[in-house]
Amino acid sequence: MSTDTPFWSAARHADRRPVLMARGRIQAAIRTWLAERDFTEVDPAALQISPGNEAHLHGFATTAIGNDGQPRTMYLHTSPEFAMKKLLAAGEVRIHAFAHVWRNRERGALHSPEFTMLEWYRVGEDYTELMTDCAAFLQLAAKAAGAKEFRFREAVCDPFAEPDRLSVAEAFQRYAGIDLLATLGANGVPDGVKLAAQMQAQGIRHASDDTWSDMLSRILVEKVEPHLGHGRPTVLDRYPVAEAALARPCPDDPRVAERFELYACGVELANGFGELTNPEEQRRRFASEMDEKQRVYGERYPVDEDFLAALAHMPPASGIALGFDRLVMLATGAPRIDDVIWTPVA
């Protein structure tokens, strides 16, 4: 049936209902798995002082009116991260949430301005534990949906296969012929001139005013991501520290960070971290991200000072966010994210 038909049409709903029921089974299976491992489900508030401080994430702003009648700008969160880390500072050790989140400037087959994020944290556990969790969730989703494989467009992935784990540097060398670590200083500071020279040698286009981050993103999207998660899932690990604003540096190489992303069928599903807990370093990274946002988009978001205060009390932890709707898409073979959302945004 045409996607122009409203979702509330009885005929279209009848077409969509089997996928939506599978969504419920997948969510129930993951909830059960987490509960059996002593995770507490929490319900973080969506209205926040800051929507997040990453340069290329865009929040929805609203106006809160206080009892004194004065207006104050607040935001719908782009992730429940800040609120959940405050709970870790308060003493929680294993928590998860199925949270509605909002991201502006995002709409397409894989993007909705409002979607569901599964986020979970493990206090005192290495971030590699999250990779094991992700593999389990892929299998749970496939079983709950009755699927032997994941599909998106022409791509196929076996959710029961062990994920292929490779570093960002290895992926850039393998798929783009780029020595990424050679473009990073000893402390992780990127060198755009060196990366531009390598791109030119490999025939990869770039603009004269592109930053190192712009160029890295172009290589990742055009040369690397199309190869990830085909046949079996891919864990893309050890991002440059300049691209991991909320992650701690790797102990064996400060140029890269304890950050990974999970891919299946070429689709990014999850973003995990060994969490940064140094408030001074986090403030510096937020400022850098907001400077970049100001440069590119002409705006910046406030810093949640309460979050930075809580960070000083947060224990070492690992945390991850997974796009739940995308997981349902791949498990059911749905072509668009709107097909797996009960009431998609008009």
C-alpha atoms as a PDB file:
ATOM      1  CA  MET A   1       0.000   0.000   0.000  1.00  0.00           C
ATOM      2  CA  SER A   2       1.222   3.524  -0.793  1.00  0.00           C
ATOM      3  CA  THR A   3       3.071   5.371   1.943  1.00  0.00           C
ATOM      4  CA  ASP A   4       0.863   8.349   1.043  1.00  0.00           C
ATOM      5  CA  THR A   5      -1.988   6.528   2.766  1.00  0.00           C
ATOM      6  CA  PRO A   6      -2.171   7.705   6.408  1.00  0.00           C
ATOM      7  CA  PHE A   7      -0.966   5.209   9.000  1.00  0.00           C
ATOM      8  CA  TRP A   8      -4.383   5.331  10.678  1.00  0.00           C
ATOM      9  CA  SER A   9      -6.082   3.947   7.583  1.00  0.00           C
ATOM     10  CA  ALA A  10      -7.490   0.558   8.598  1.00  0.00           C
ATOM     11  CA  ALA A  11      -6.097  -1.118   5.492  1.00  0.00           C
ATOM     12  CA  ARG A  12      -2.603   0.293   5.931  1.00  0.00           C
ATOM     13  CA  HIS A  13      -2.608  -0.485   9.637  1.00  0.00           C
ATOM     14  CA  ALA A  14      -3.526  -4.087   8.837  1.00  0.00           C
ATOM     15  CA  ASP A  15      -0.463  -4.254   6.572  1.00  0.00           C
ATOM     16  CA  ARG A  16       1.781  -2.729   9.243  1.00  0.00           C
ATOM     17  CA  ARG A  17       0.448  -4.605  12.247  1.00  0.00           C
ATOM     18  CA  PRO A  18       2.519  -7.816  11.914  1.00  0.00           C
ATOM     19  CA  VAL A  19       5.732  -5.752  11.984  1.00  0.00           C
ATOM     20  CA  LEU A  20       4.497  -3.710  14.948  1.00  0.00           C
ATOM     21  CA  MET A  21       3.662  -6.899  16.835  1.00  0.00           C
ATOM     22  CA  ALA A  22       7.161  -8.180  16.103  1.00  0.00           C
ATOM     23  CA  ARG A  23       8.477  -4.910  17.524  1.00  0.00           C
ATOM     24  CA  GLY A  24       6.694  -5.681  20.779  1.00  0.00           C
ATOM     25  CA  ARG A  25       8.121  -9.197  20.943  1.00  0.00           C
ATOM     26  CA  ILE A  26      11.658  -7.910  20.326  1.00  0.00           C
ATOM     27  CA  GLN A  27      11.288  -5.283  23.041  1.00  0.00           C
ATOM     28  CA  ALA A  28       9.898  -7.837  25.501  1.00  0.00           C
ATOM     29  CA  ALA A  29      12.753 -10.270  24.773  1.00  0.00           C
ATOM     30  CA  ILE A  30      15.408  -7.612  25.370  1.00  0.00           C
ATOM     31  CA  ARG A  31      13.684  -6.409  28.546  1.00  0.00           C
ATOM     32  CA  THR A  32      13.623  -9.969  29.882  1.00  0.00           C
ATOM     33  CA  TRP A  33      17.291 -10.519  29.006  1.00  0.00           C
ATOM     34  CA  LEU A  34      18.312  -7.313  30.807  1.00  0.00           C
ATOM     35  CA  ALA A  35      16.154  -8.045  33.856  1.00  0.00           C
ATOM     36  CA  GLU A  36      17.708 -11.503  34.178  1.00  0.00           C
ATOM     37  CA  ARG A  37      21.097  -9.780  34.421  1.00  0.00           C
ATOM     38  CA  ASP A  38      20.027  -7.365  37.140  1.00  0.00           C
ATOM     39  CA  PHE A  39      19.541  -4.281  34.987  1.00  0.00           C
ATOM     40  CA  THR A  40      17.080  -1.754  36.368  1.00  0.00           C
ATOM     41  CA  GLU A  41      14.834  -0.080  33.815  1.00  0.00           C
ATOM     42  CA  VAL A  42      14.710   3.683  34.348  1.00  0.00           C
ATOM     43  CA  ASP A  43      12.568   6.408  32.781  1.00  0.00           C
ATOM     44  CA  PRO A  44      14.699   9.532  32.196  1.00  0.00           C
ATOM     45  CA  ALA A  45      12.934  12.843  31.665  1.00  0.00           C
ATOM     46  CA  ALA A  46      13.044  14.123  28.081  1.00  0.00           C
ATOM     47  CA  LEU A  47      12.967  17.857  28.888  1.00  0.00           C
ATOM     48  CA  GLN A  48      16.510  19.033  29.580  1.00  0.00           C
ATOM     49  CA  ILE A  49      18.666  22.147  29.938  1.00  0.00           C
ATOM     50  CA  SER A  50      20.833  20.940  27.050  1.00  0.00           C
ATOM     51  CA  PRO A  51      19.875  18.493  24.270  1.00  0.00           C
ATOM     52  CA  GLY A  52      23.495  17.285  24.088  1.00  0.00           C
ATOM     53  CA  ASN A  53      26.738  18.929  23.037  1.00  0.00           C
ATOM     54  CA  GLU A  54      27.786  17.195  19.833  1.00  0.00           C
ATOM     55  CA  ALA A  55      28.372  19.488  16.885  1.00  0.00           C
ATOM     56  CA  HIS A  56      26.220  17.691  14.353  1.00  0.00           C
ATOM     57  CA  LEU A  57      23.267  16.725  16.543  1.00  0.00           C
ATOM     58  CA  HIS A  58      20.331  19.116  16.438  1.00  0.00           C
ATOM     59  CA  GLY A  59      17.791  19.463  19.225  1.00  0.00           C
ATOM     60  CA  PHE A  60      14.195  20.624  19.413  1.00  0.00           C
ATOM     61  CA  ALA A  61      13.899  23.764  21.520  1.00  0.00           C
ATOM     62  CA  THR A  62      10.873  24.756  23.552  1.00  0.00           C
ATOM     63  CA  THR A  63       9.985  27.489  26.034  1.00  0.00           C
ATOM     64  CA  ALA A  64       9.327  26.665  29.675  1.00  0.00           C
ATOM     65  CA  ILE A  65       7.396  29.271  31.684  1.00  0.00           C
ATOM     66  CA  GLY A  66       8.268  29.362  35.382  1.00  0.00           C
ATOM     67  CA  ASN A  67       5.982  30.208  38.286  1.00  0.00           C
ATOM     68  CA  ASP A  68       7.324  33.728  38.028  1.00  0.00           C
ATOM     69  CA  GLY A  69       6.063  33.958  34.450  1.00  0.00           C
ATOM     70  CA  GLN A  70       9.572  34.207  32.999  1.00  0.00           C
ATOM     71  CA  PRO A  71      10.430  32.207  29.868  1.00  0.00           C
ATOM     72  CA  ARG A  72      13.363  29.823  29.729  1.00  0.00           C
ATOM     73  CA  THR A  73      14.617  27.865  26.726  1.00  0.00           C
ATOM     74  CA  MET A  74      14.753  24.113  27.262  1.00  0.00           C
ATOM     75  CA  TYR A  75      15.231  21.174  24.905  1.00  0.00           C
ATOM     76  CA  LEU A  76      13.958  17.691  24.181  1.00  0.00           C
ATOM     77  CA  HIS A  77      16.932  15.386  24.624  1.00  0.00           C
ATOM     78  CA  THR A  78      18.761  13.838  21.673  1.00  0.00           C
ATOM     79  CA  SER A  79      19.773  11.017  24.031  1.00  0.00           C
ATOM     80  CA  PRO A  80      18.958  10.124  27.660  1.00  0.00           C
ATOM     81  CA  GLU A  81      22.711  10.021  28.349  1.00  0.00           C
ATOM     82  CA  PHE A  82      23.087  13.006  30.660  1.00  0.00           C
ATOM     83  CA  ALA A  83      20.141  11.974  32.839  1.00  0.00           C
ATOM     84  CA  MET A  84      21.243   8.355  33.028  1.00  0.00           C
ATOM     85  CA  LYS A  85      24.813   9.227  33.974  1.00  0.00           C
ATOM     86  CA  LYS A  86      23.450  11.330  36.823  1.00  0.00           C
ATOM     87  CA  LEU A  87      21.751   8.143  38.036  1.00  0.00           C
ATOM     88  CA  LEU A  88      25.123   6.359  37.926  1.00  0.00           C
ATOM     89  CA  ALA A  89      26.544   9.167  40.067  1.00  0.00           C
ATOM     90  CA  ALA A  90      23.635   8.582  42.437  1.00  0.00           C
ATOM     91  CA  GLY A  91      24.619   4.942  42.916  1.00  0.00           C
ATOM     92  CA  GLU A  92      22.912   2.881  40.200  1.00  0.00           C
ATOM     93  CA  VAL A  93      25.193   0.228  38.700  1.00  0.00           C
ATOM     94  CA  ARG A  94      23.284  -1.435  35.849  1.00  0.00           C
ATOM     95  CA  ILE A  95      20.520   0.548  34.182  1.00  0.00           C
ATOM     96  CA  HIS A  96      18.713   0.677  30.863  1.00  0.00           C
ATOM     97  CA  ALA A  97      15.976   2.712  29.207  1.00  0.00           C
ATOM     98  CA  PHE A  98      13.788   2.522  26.126  1.00  0.00           C
ATOM     99  CA  ALA A  99      13.671   6.277  25.645  1.00  0.00           C
ATOM    100  CA  HIS A 100      11.926   8.427  23.070  1.00  0.00           C
ATOM    101  CA  VAL A 101      14.459  10.914  21.727  1.00  0.00           C
ATOM    102  CA  TRP A 102      14.247  13.813  19.293  1.00  0.00           C
ATOM    103  CA  ARG A 103      16.705  14.936  16.611  1.00  0.00           C
ATOM    104  CA  ASN A 104      16.061  17.841  14.300  1.00  0.00           C
ATOM    105  CA  ARG A 105      17.194  17.988  10.653  1.00  0.00           C
ATOM    106  CA  GLU A 106      16.840  14.202  10.362  1.00  0.00           C
ATOM    107  CA  ARG A 107      14.273  12.505   8.095  1.00  0.00           C
ATOM    108  CA  GLY A 108      14.628   9.581   5.710  1.00  0.00           C
ATOM    109  CA  ALA A 109      14.459   5.815   5.364  1.00  0.00           C
ATOM    110  CA  LEU A 110      16.654   5.388   8.462  1.00  0.00           C
ATOM    111  CA  HIS A 111      15.867   8.647  10.274  1.00  0.00           C
ATOM    112  CA  SER A 112      12.827   9.951  12.097  1.00  0.00           C
ATOM    113  CA  PRO A 113      12.710  13.207  14.084  1.00  0.00           C
ATOM    114  CA  GLU A 114      11.307  11.161  16.994  1.00  0.00           C
ATOM    115  CA  PHE A 115      12.493   7.619  17.582  1.00  0.00           C
ATOM    116  CA  THR A 116      13.221   5.067  20.307  1.00  0.00           C
ATOM    117  CA  MET A 117      16.695   4.597  21.711  1.00  0.00           C
ATOM    118  CA  LEU A 118      17.719   1.661  23.858  1.00  0.00           C
ATOM    119  CA  GLU A 119      20.461   2.886  26.157  1.00  0.00           C
ATOM    120  CA  TRP A 120      22.213   0.879  28.871  1.00  0.00           C
ATOM    121  CA  TYR A 121      25.160   1.242  31.269  1.00  0.00           C
ATOM    122  CA  ARG A 122      27.450  -1.102  33.174  1.00  0.00           C
ATOM    123  CA  VAL A 123      29.392   0.345  36.127  1.00  0.00           C
ATOM    124  CA  GLY A 124      32.870  -1.075  36.646  1.00  0.00           C
ATOM    125  CA  GLU A 125      32.759  -3.185  33.468  1.00  0.00           C
ATOM    126  CA  ASP A 126      34.855  -2.887  30.325  1.00  0.00           C
ATOM    127  CA  TYR A 127      33.275  -1.442  27.199  1.00  0.00           C
ATOM    128  CA  THR A 128      33.914  -4.714  25.371  1.00  0.00           C
ATOM    129  CA  GLU A 129      31.103  -6.200  27.480  1.00  0.00           C
ATOM    130  CA  LEU A 130      28.750  -3.982  25.478  1.00  0.00           C
ATOM    131  CA  MET A 131      29.889  -5.696  22.282  1.00  0.00           C
ATOM    132  CA  THR A 132      28.790  -9.012  23.769  1.00  0.00           C
ATOM    133  CA  ASP A 133      25.443  -7.444  24.718  1.00  0.00           C
ATOM    134  CA  CYS A 134      24.959  -6.211  21.161  1.00  0.00           C
ATOM    135  CA  ALA A 135      25.575  -9.658  19.695  1.00  0.00           C
ATOM    136  CA  ALA A 136      22.975 -11.083  22.083  1.00  0.00           C
ATOM    137  CA  PHE A 137      20.395  -8.449  21.113  1.00  0.00           C
ATOM    138  CA  LEU A 138      20.841  -9.159  17.410  1.00  0.00           C
ATOM    139  CA  GLN A 139      20.062 -12.803  18.060  1.00  0.00           C
ATOM    140  CA  LEU A 140      17.128 -12.003  20.343  1.00  0.00           C
ATOM    141  CA  ALA A 141      15.633  -9.701  17.719  1.00  0.00           C
ATOM    142  CA  ALA A 142      15.967 -12.291  14.969  1.00  0.00           C
ATOM    143  CA  LYS A 143      14.384 -15.028  17.086  1.00  0.00           C
ATOM    144  CA  ALA A 144      11.522 -12.794  18.216  1.00  0.00           C
ATOM    145  CA  ALA A 145      10.797 -11.753  14.633  1.00  0.00           C
ATOM    146  CA  GLY A 146      11.172 -15.290  13.289  1.00  0.00           C
ATOM    147  CA  ALA A 147      13.998 -14.162  10.998  1.00  0.00           C
ATOM    148  CA  LYS A 148      16.980 -16.230   9.884  1.00  0.00           C
ATOM    149  CA  GLU A 149      18.756 -13.180   8.491  1.00  0.00           C
ATOM    150  CA  PHE A 150      18.635  -9.384   8.588  1.00  0.00           C
ATOM    151  CA  ARG A 151      17.863  -7.461   5.405  1.00  0.00           C
ATOM    152  CA  PHE A 152      18.026  -3.850   4.291  1.00  0.00           C
ATOM    153  CA  ARG A 153      17.590  -3.138   0.600  1.00  0.00           C
ATOM    154  CA  GLU A 154      20.047  -5.484  -1.132  1.00  0.00           C
ATOM    155  CA  ALA A 155      22.178  -6.103   1.958  1.00  0.00           C
ATOM    156  CA  VAL A 156      22.015  -9.297   4.022  1.00  0.00           C
ATOM    157  CA  CYS A 157      23.532 -10.050   7.435  1.00  0.00           C
ATOM    158  CA  ASP A 158      23.538 -13.149   9.614  1.00  0.00           C
ATOM    159  CA  PRO A 159      22.574 -11.951  13.133  1.00  0.00           C
ATOM    160  CA  PHE A 160      23.750 -15.262  14.612  1.00  0.00           C
ATOM    161  CA  ALA A 161      27.298 -14.926  13.274  1.00  0.00           C
ATOM    162  CA  GLU A 162      30.105 -13.641  15.479  1.00  0.00           C
ATOM    163  CA  PRO A 163      30.683  -9.941  14.697  1.00  0.00           C
ATOM    164  CA  ASP A 164      33.813  -8.914  12.829  1.00  0.00           C
ATOM    165  CA  ARG A 165      35.740  -6.461  15.031  1.00  0.00           C
ATOM    166  CA  LEU A 166      38.168  -4.013  13.464  1.00  0.00           C
ATOM    167  CA  SER A 167      39.519  -0.603  14.393  1.00  0.00           C
ATOM    168  CA  VAL A 168      38.676   2.573  12.497  1.00  0.00           C
ATOM    169  CA  ALA A 169      42.331   2.757  11.442  1.00  0.00           C
ATOM    170  CA  GLU A 170      42.214  -0.804  10.084  1.00  0.00           C
ATOM    171  CA  ALA A 171      38.983  -0.069   8.215  1.00  0.00           C
ATOM    172  CA  PHE A 172      40.401   3.104   6.647  1.00  0.00           C
ATOM    173  CA  GLN A 173      43.502   1.216   5.497  1.00  0.00           C
ATOM    174  CA  ARG A 174      41.498  -1.728   4.166  1.00  0.00           C
ATOM    175  CA  TYR A 175      38.740   0.128   2.328  1.00  0.00           C
ATOM    176  CA  ALA A 176      40.245   3.526   1.496  1.00  0.00           C
ATOM    177  CA  GLY A 177      44.020   3.029   1.522  1.00  0.00           C
ATOM    178  CA  ILE A 178      44.309   5.740   4.188  1.00  0.00           C
ATOM    179  CA  ASP A 179      46.791   5.624   7.097  1.00  0.00           C
ATOM    180  CA  LEU A 180      44.565   7.423   9.576  1.00  0.00           C
ATOM    181  CA  LEU A 181      46.908   7.227  12.565  1.00  0.00           C
ATOM    182  CA  ALA A 182      49.575   9.066  10.539  1.00  0.00           C
ATOM    183  CA  THR A 183      47.243  12.094  10.542  1.00  0.00           C
ATOM    184  CA  LEU A 184      47.085  12.212  14.358  1.00  0.00           C
ATOM    185  CA  GLY A 185      49.631  13.781  16.699  1.00  0.00           C
ATOM    186  CA  ALA A 186      50.909  11.964  19.763  1.00  0.00           C
ATOM    187  CA  ASN A 187      48.095  13.462  21.854  1.00  0.00           C
ATOM    188  CA  GLY A 188      45.422  12.762  19.234  1.00  0.00           C
ATOM    189  CA  VAL A 189      45.308  16.256  17.699  1.00  0.00           C
ATOM    190  CA  PRO A 190      44.333  15.775  14.025  1.00  0.00           C
ATOM    191  CA  ASP A 191      46.284  17.146  11.058  1.00  0.00           C
ATOM    192  CA  GLY A 192      43.987  18.065   8.173  1.00  0.00           C
ATOM    193  CA  VAL A 193      46.851  18.757   5.762  1.00  0.00           C
ATOM    194  CA  LYS A 194      48.174  15.220   6.120  1.00  0.00           C
ATOM    195  CA  LEU A 195      44.726  13.667   5.665  1.00  0.00           C
ATOM    196  CA  ALA A 196      44.003  15.847   2.612  1.00  0.00           C
ATOM    197  CA  ALA A 197      47.260  14.737   1.002  1.00  0.00           C
ATOM    198  CA  GLN A 198      46.367  11.075   1.460  1.00  0.00           C
ATOM    199  CA  MET A 199      42.871  11.627   0.075  1.00  0.00           C
ATOM    200  CA  GLN A 200      44.310  13.301  -2.991  1.00  0.00           C
ATOM    201  CA  ALA A 201      46.709  10.404  -3.515  1.00  0.00           C
ATOM    202  CA  GLN A 202      43.767   7.974  -3.346  1.00  0.00           C
ATOM    203  CA  GLY A 203      41.575  10.068  -5.654  1.00  0.00           C
ATOM    204  CA  ILE A 204      39.032  10.873  -2.927  1.00  0.00           C
ATOM    205  CA  ARG A 205      37.482  14.295  -3.391  1.00  0.00           C
ATOM    206  CA  HIS A 206      37.495  16.945  -0.692  1.00  0.00           C
ATOM    207  CA  ALA A 207      36.854  20.677  -0.460  1.00  0.00           C
ATOM    208  CA  SER A 208      39.602  23.174   0.240  1.00  0.00           C
ATOM    209  CA  ASP A 209      37.880  24.353   3.404  1.00  0.00           C
ATOM    210  CA  ASP A 210      37.109  20.866   4.777  1.00  0.00           C
ATOM    211  CA  THR A 211      38.315  20.244   8.314  1.00  0.00           C
ATOM    212  CA  TRP A 212      39.993  16.988   9.319  1.00  0.00           C
ATOM    213  CA  SER A 213      36.660  15.925  10.801  1.00  0.00           C
ATOM    214  CA  ASP A 214      34.818  16.747   7.556  1.00  0.00           C
ATOM    215  CA  MET A 215      37.287  14.644   5.589  1.00  0.00           C
ATOM    216  CA  LEU A 216      37.136  11.744   8.018  1.00  0.00           C
ATOM    217  CA  SER A 217      33.342  11.753   7.775  1.00  0.00           C
ATOM    218  CA  ARG A 218      33.466  11.743   3.978  1.00  0.00           C
ATOM    219  CA  ILE A 219      35.846   8.767   3.880  1.00  0.00           C
ATOM    220  CA  LEU A 220      33.776   6.904   6.458  1.00  0.00           C
ATOM    221  CA  VAL A 221      30.482   7.433   4.606  1.00  0.00           C
ATOM    222  CA  GLU A 222      31.743   6.947   1.053  1.00  0.00           C
ATOM    223  CA  LYS A 223      34.475   4.326   1.406  1.00  0.00           C
ATOM    224  CA  VAL A 224      34.088   2.472   4.690  1.00  0.00           C
ATOM    225  CA  GLU A 225      30.466   2.188   5.822  1.00  0.00           C
ATOM    226  CA  PRO A 226      29.229   0.532   2.588  1.00  0.00           C
ATOM    227  CA  HIS A 227      31.412  -2.486   3.468  1.00  0.00           C
ATOM    228  CA  LEU A 228      30.319  -2.909   7.089  1.00  0.00           C
ATOM    229  CA  GLY A 229      27.882  -5.488   8.417  1.00  0.00           C
ATOM    230  CA  HIS A 230      27.538  -7.523   5.228  1.00  0.00           C
ATOM    231  CA  GLY A 231      27.320 -11.264   5.778  1.00  0.00           C
ATOM    232  CA  ARG A 232      27.923 -10.796   9.486  1.00  0.00           C
ATOM    233  CA  PRO A 233      27.782  -7.842  11.908  1.00  0.00           C
ATOM    234  CA  THR A 234      30.729  -5.462  12.208  1.00  0.00           C
ATOM    235  CA  VAL A 235      32.057  -3.777  15.352  1.00  0.00           C
ATOM    236  CA  LEU A 236      33.996  -0.668  14.266  1.00  0.00           C
ATOM    237  CA  ASP A 237      36.238   0.058  17.240  1.00  0.00           C
ATOM    238  CA  ARG A 238      38.820   2.571  18.557  1.00  0.00           C
ATOM    239  CA  TYR A 239      37.676   5.853  17.037  1.00  0.00           C
ATOM    240  CA  PRO A 240      40.144   8.746  17.014  1.00  0.00           C
ATOM    241  CA  VAL A 241      39.797  10.605  20.311  1.00  0.00           C
ATOM    242  CA  ALA A 242      38.849  13.752  18.347  1.00  0.00           C
ATOM    243  CA  GLU A 243      35.709  11.865  17.222  1.00  0.00           C
ATOM    244  CA  ALA A 244      34.764  10.525  20.649  1.00  0.00           C
ATOM    245  CA  ALA A 245      33.636  13.482  22.737  1.00  0.00           C
ATOM    246  CA  LEU A 246      32.185  11.339  25.521  1.00  0.00           C
ATOM    247  CA  ALA A 247      34.680   8.446  25.589  1.00  0.00           C
ATOM    248  CA  ARG A 248      37.918   7.926  27.500  1.00  0.00           C
ATOM    249  CA  PRO A 249      41.218   7.426  25.636  1.00  0.00           C
ATOM    250  CA  CYS A 250      42.489   3.872  25.128  1.00  0.00           C
ATOM    251  CA  PRO A 251      45.157   3.075  27.754  1.00  0.00           C
ATOM    252  CA  ASP A 252      47.580   1.724  25.116  1.00  0.00           C
ATOM    253  CA  ASP A 253      47.208   4.618  22.634  1.00  0.00           C
ATOM    254  CA  PRO A 254      45.914   8.081  23.657  1.00  0.00           C
ATOM    255  CA  ARG A 255      45.286   8.946  20.007  1.00  0.00           C
ATOM    256  CA  VAL A 256      42.217   6.708  19.952  1.00  0.00           C
ATOM    257  CA  ALA A 257      39.307   6.206  22.297  1.00  0.00           C
ATOM    258  CA  GLU A 258      37.179   3.448  23.774  1.00  0.00           C
ATOM    259  CA  ARG A 259      34.382   4.032  21.307  1.00  0.00           C
ATOM    260  CA  PHE A 260      32.792   1.564  18.893  1.00  0.00           C
ATOM    261  CA  GLU A 261      29.846   1.407  16.541  1.00  0.00           C
ATOM    262  CA  LEU A 262      27.820  -1.666  15.556  1.00  0.00           C
ATOM    263  CA  TYR A 263      26.817  -2.208  11.925  1.00  0.00           C
ATOM    264  CA  ALA A 264      24.536  -4.704  10.207  1.00  0.00           C
ATOM    265  CA  CYS A 265      23.570  -4.566   6.522  1.00  0.00           C
ATOM    266  CA  GLY A 266      25.599  -1.375   6.182  1.00  0.00           C
ATOM    267  CA  VAL A 267      23.345   0.288   8.781  1.00  0.00           C
ATOM    268  CA  GLU A 268      24.751   1.816  11.960  1.00  0.00           C
ATOM    269  CA  LEU A 269      22.832   0.352  14.897  1.00  0.00           C
ATOM    270  CA  ALA A 270      24.685   1.323  18.080  1.00  0.00           C
ATOM    271  CA  ASN A 271      27.339   3.638  19.494  1.00  0.00           C
ATOM    272  CA  GLY A 272      29.189   2.483  22.630  1.00  0.00           C
ATOM    273  CA  PHE A 273      31.810   3.979  24.952  1.00  0.00           C
ATOM    274  CA  GLY A 274      34.142   3.465  27.804  1.00  0.00           C
ATOM    275  CA  GLU A 275      32.750   6.560  29.493  1.00  0.00           C
ATOM    276  CA  LEU A 276      34.767   9.683  30.163  1.00  0.00           C
ATOM    277  CA  THR A 277      34.386  10.719  33.824  1.00  0.00           C
ATOM    278  CA  ASN A 278      36.780  13.677  33.983  1.00  0.00           C
ATOM    279  CA  PRO A 279      34.593  16.817  34.203  1.00  0.00           C
ATOM    280  CA  GLU A 280      37.377  19.225  33.202  1.00  0.00           C
ATOM    281  CA  GLU A 281      38.227  17.230  30.083  1.00  0.00           C
ATOM    282  CA  GLN A 282      34.529  16.816  29.306  1.00  0.00           C
ATOM    283  CA  ARG A 283      34.014  20.588  29.554  1.00  0.00           C
ATOM    284  CA  ARG A 284      36.897  21.145  27.153  1.00  0.00           C
ATOM    285  CA  ARG A 285      35.465  18.683  24.652  1.00  0.00           C
ATOM    286  CA  PHE A 286      31.996  20.196  24.899  1.00  0.00           C
ATOM    287  CA  ALA A 287      33.455  23.650  24.217  1.00  0.00           C
ATOM    288  CA  SER A 288      35.291  22.311  21.175  1.00  0.00           C
ATOM    289  CA  GLU A 289      32.135  20.657  19.858  1.00  0.00           C
ATOM    290  CA  MET A 290      30.080  23.803  20.350  1.00  0.00           C
ATOM    291  CA  ASP A 291      32.736  25.922  18.642  1.00  0.00           C
ATOM    292  CA  GLU A 292      32.418  23.632  15.639  1.00  0.00           C
ATOM    293  CA  LYS A 293      28.622  23.842  15.789  1.00  0.00           C
ATOM    294  CA  GLN A 294      28.859  27.628  15.839  1.00  0.00           C
ATOM    295  CA  ARG A 295      31.196  27.560  12.838  1.00  0.00           C
ATOM    296  CA  VAL A 296      29.028  25.244  10.745  1.00  0.00           C
ATOM    297  CA  TYR A 297      25.470  26.032  11.841  1.00  0.00           C
ATOM    298  CA  GLY A 298      25.710  29.424  13.541  1.00  0.00           C
ATOM    299  CA  GLU A 299      24.368  28.211  16.898  1.00  0.00           C
ATOM    300  CA  ARG A 300      25.474  26.534  20.101  1.00  0.00           C
ATOM    301  CA  TYR A 301      23.745  24.782  22.995  1.00  0.00           C
ATOM    302  CA  PRO A 302      24.245  25.450  26.694  1.00  0.00           C
ATOM    303  CA  VAL A 303      26.285  23.104  28.848  1.00  0.00           C
ATOM    304  CA  ASP A 304      24.409  21.216  31.546  1.00  0.00           C
ATOM    305  CA  GLU A 305      26.452  22.278  34.580  1.00  0.00           C
ATOM    306  CA  ASP A 306      24.546  19.817  36.744  1.00  0.00           C
ATOM    307  CA  PHE A 307      25.755  17.019  34.469  1.00  0.00           C
ATOM    308  CA  LEU A 308      29.392  18.106  34.797  1.00  0.00           C
ATOM    309  CA  ALA A 309      28.994  18.297  38.582  1.00  0.00           C
ATOM    310  CA  ALA A 310      27.558  14.766  38.635  1.00  0.00           C
ATOM    311  CA  LEU A 311      30.341  13.487  36.363  1.00  0.00           C
ATOM    312  CA  ALA A 312      32.875  14.114  39.137  1.00  0.00           C
ATOM    313  CA  HIS A 313      30.982  11.535  41.235  1.00  0.00           C
ATOM    314  CA  MET A 314      30.304   9.019  38.470  1.00  0.00           C
ATOM    315  CA  PRO A 315      32.212   5.726  38.802  1.00  0.00           C
ATOM    316  CA  PRO A 316      34.049   4.141  35.859  1.00  0.00           C
ATOM    317  CA  ALA A 317      31.440   2.707  33.506  1.00  0.00           C
ATOM    318  CA  SER A 318      30.660   1.660  29.977  1.00  0.00           C
ATOM    319  CA  GLY A 319      27.553   2.799  28.141  1.00  0.00           C
ATOM    320  CA  ILE A 320      25.858   2.459  24.784  1.00  0.00           C
ATOM    321  CA  ALA A 321      22.901   3.690  22.744  1.00  0.00           C
ATOM    322  CA  LEU A 322      21.178   1.467  20.168  1.00  0.00           C
ATOM    323  CA  GLY A 323      18.627   2.615  17.593  1.00  0.00           C
ATOM    324  CA  PHE A 324      15.789   0.287  18.539  1.00  0.00           C
ATOM    325  CA  ASP A 325      13.625   1.113  15.516  1.00  0.00           C
ATOM    326  CA  ARG A 326      16.513   0.289  13.162  1.00  0.00           C
ATOM    327  CA  LEU A 327      17.006  -3.057  14.888  1.00  0.00           C
ATOM    328  CA  VAL A 328      13.320  -3.831  14.315  1.00  0.00           C
ATOM    329  CA  MET A 329      13.646  -2.744  10.676  1.00  0.00           C
ATOM    330  CA  LEU A 330      16.470  -5.173   9.984  1.00  0.00           C
ATOM    331  CA  ALA A 331      14.825  -8.045  11.842  1.00  0.00           C
ATOM    332  CA  THR A 332      11.530  -7.634   9.981  1.00  0.00           C
ATOM    333  CA  GLY A 333      12.884  -6.515   6.605  1.00  0.00           C
ATOM    334  CA  ALA A 334      10.946  -3.244   6.768  1.00  0.00           C
ATOM    335  CA  PRO A 335      12.237  -0.732   4.178  1.00  0.00           C
ATOM    336  CA  ARG A 336      11.600   2.465   6.169  1.00  0.00           C
ATOM    337  CA  ILE A 337      11.781   3.447   9.811  1.00  0.00           C
ATOM    338  CA  ASP A 338       8.210   4.791   9.677  1.00  0.00           C
ATOM    339  CA  ASP A 339       7.032   1.233   8.996  1.00  0.00           C
ATOM    340  CA  VAL A 340       8.120   0.080  12.479  1.00  0.00           C
ATOM    341  CA  ILE A 341       6.897   3.082  14.509  1.00  0.00           C
ATOM    342  CA  TRP A 342       3.357   2.777  15.879  1.00  0.00           C
ATOM    343  CA  THR A 343       2.437   6.401  15.120  1.00  0.00           C
ATOM    344  CA  PRO A 344       5.085   7.871  12.785  1.00  0.00           C
ATOM    345  CA  VAL A 345       5.581  11.621  12.711  1.00  0.00           C
ATOM    346  CA  ALA A 346       3.527  13.135   9.889  1.00  0.00           C
END
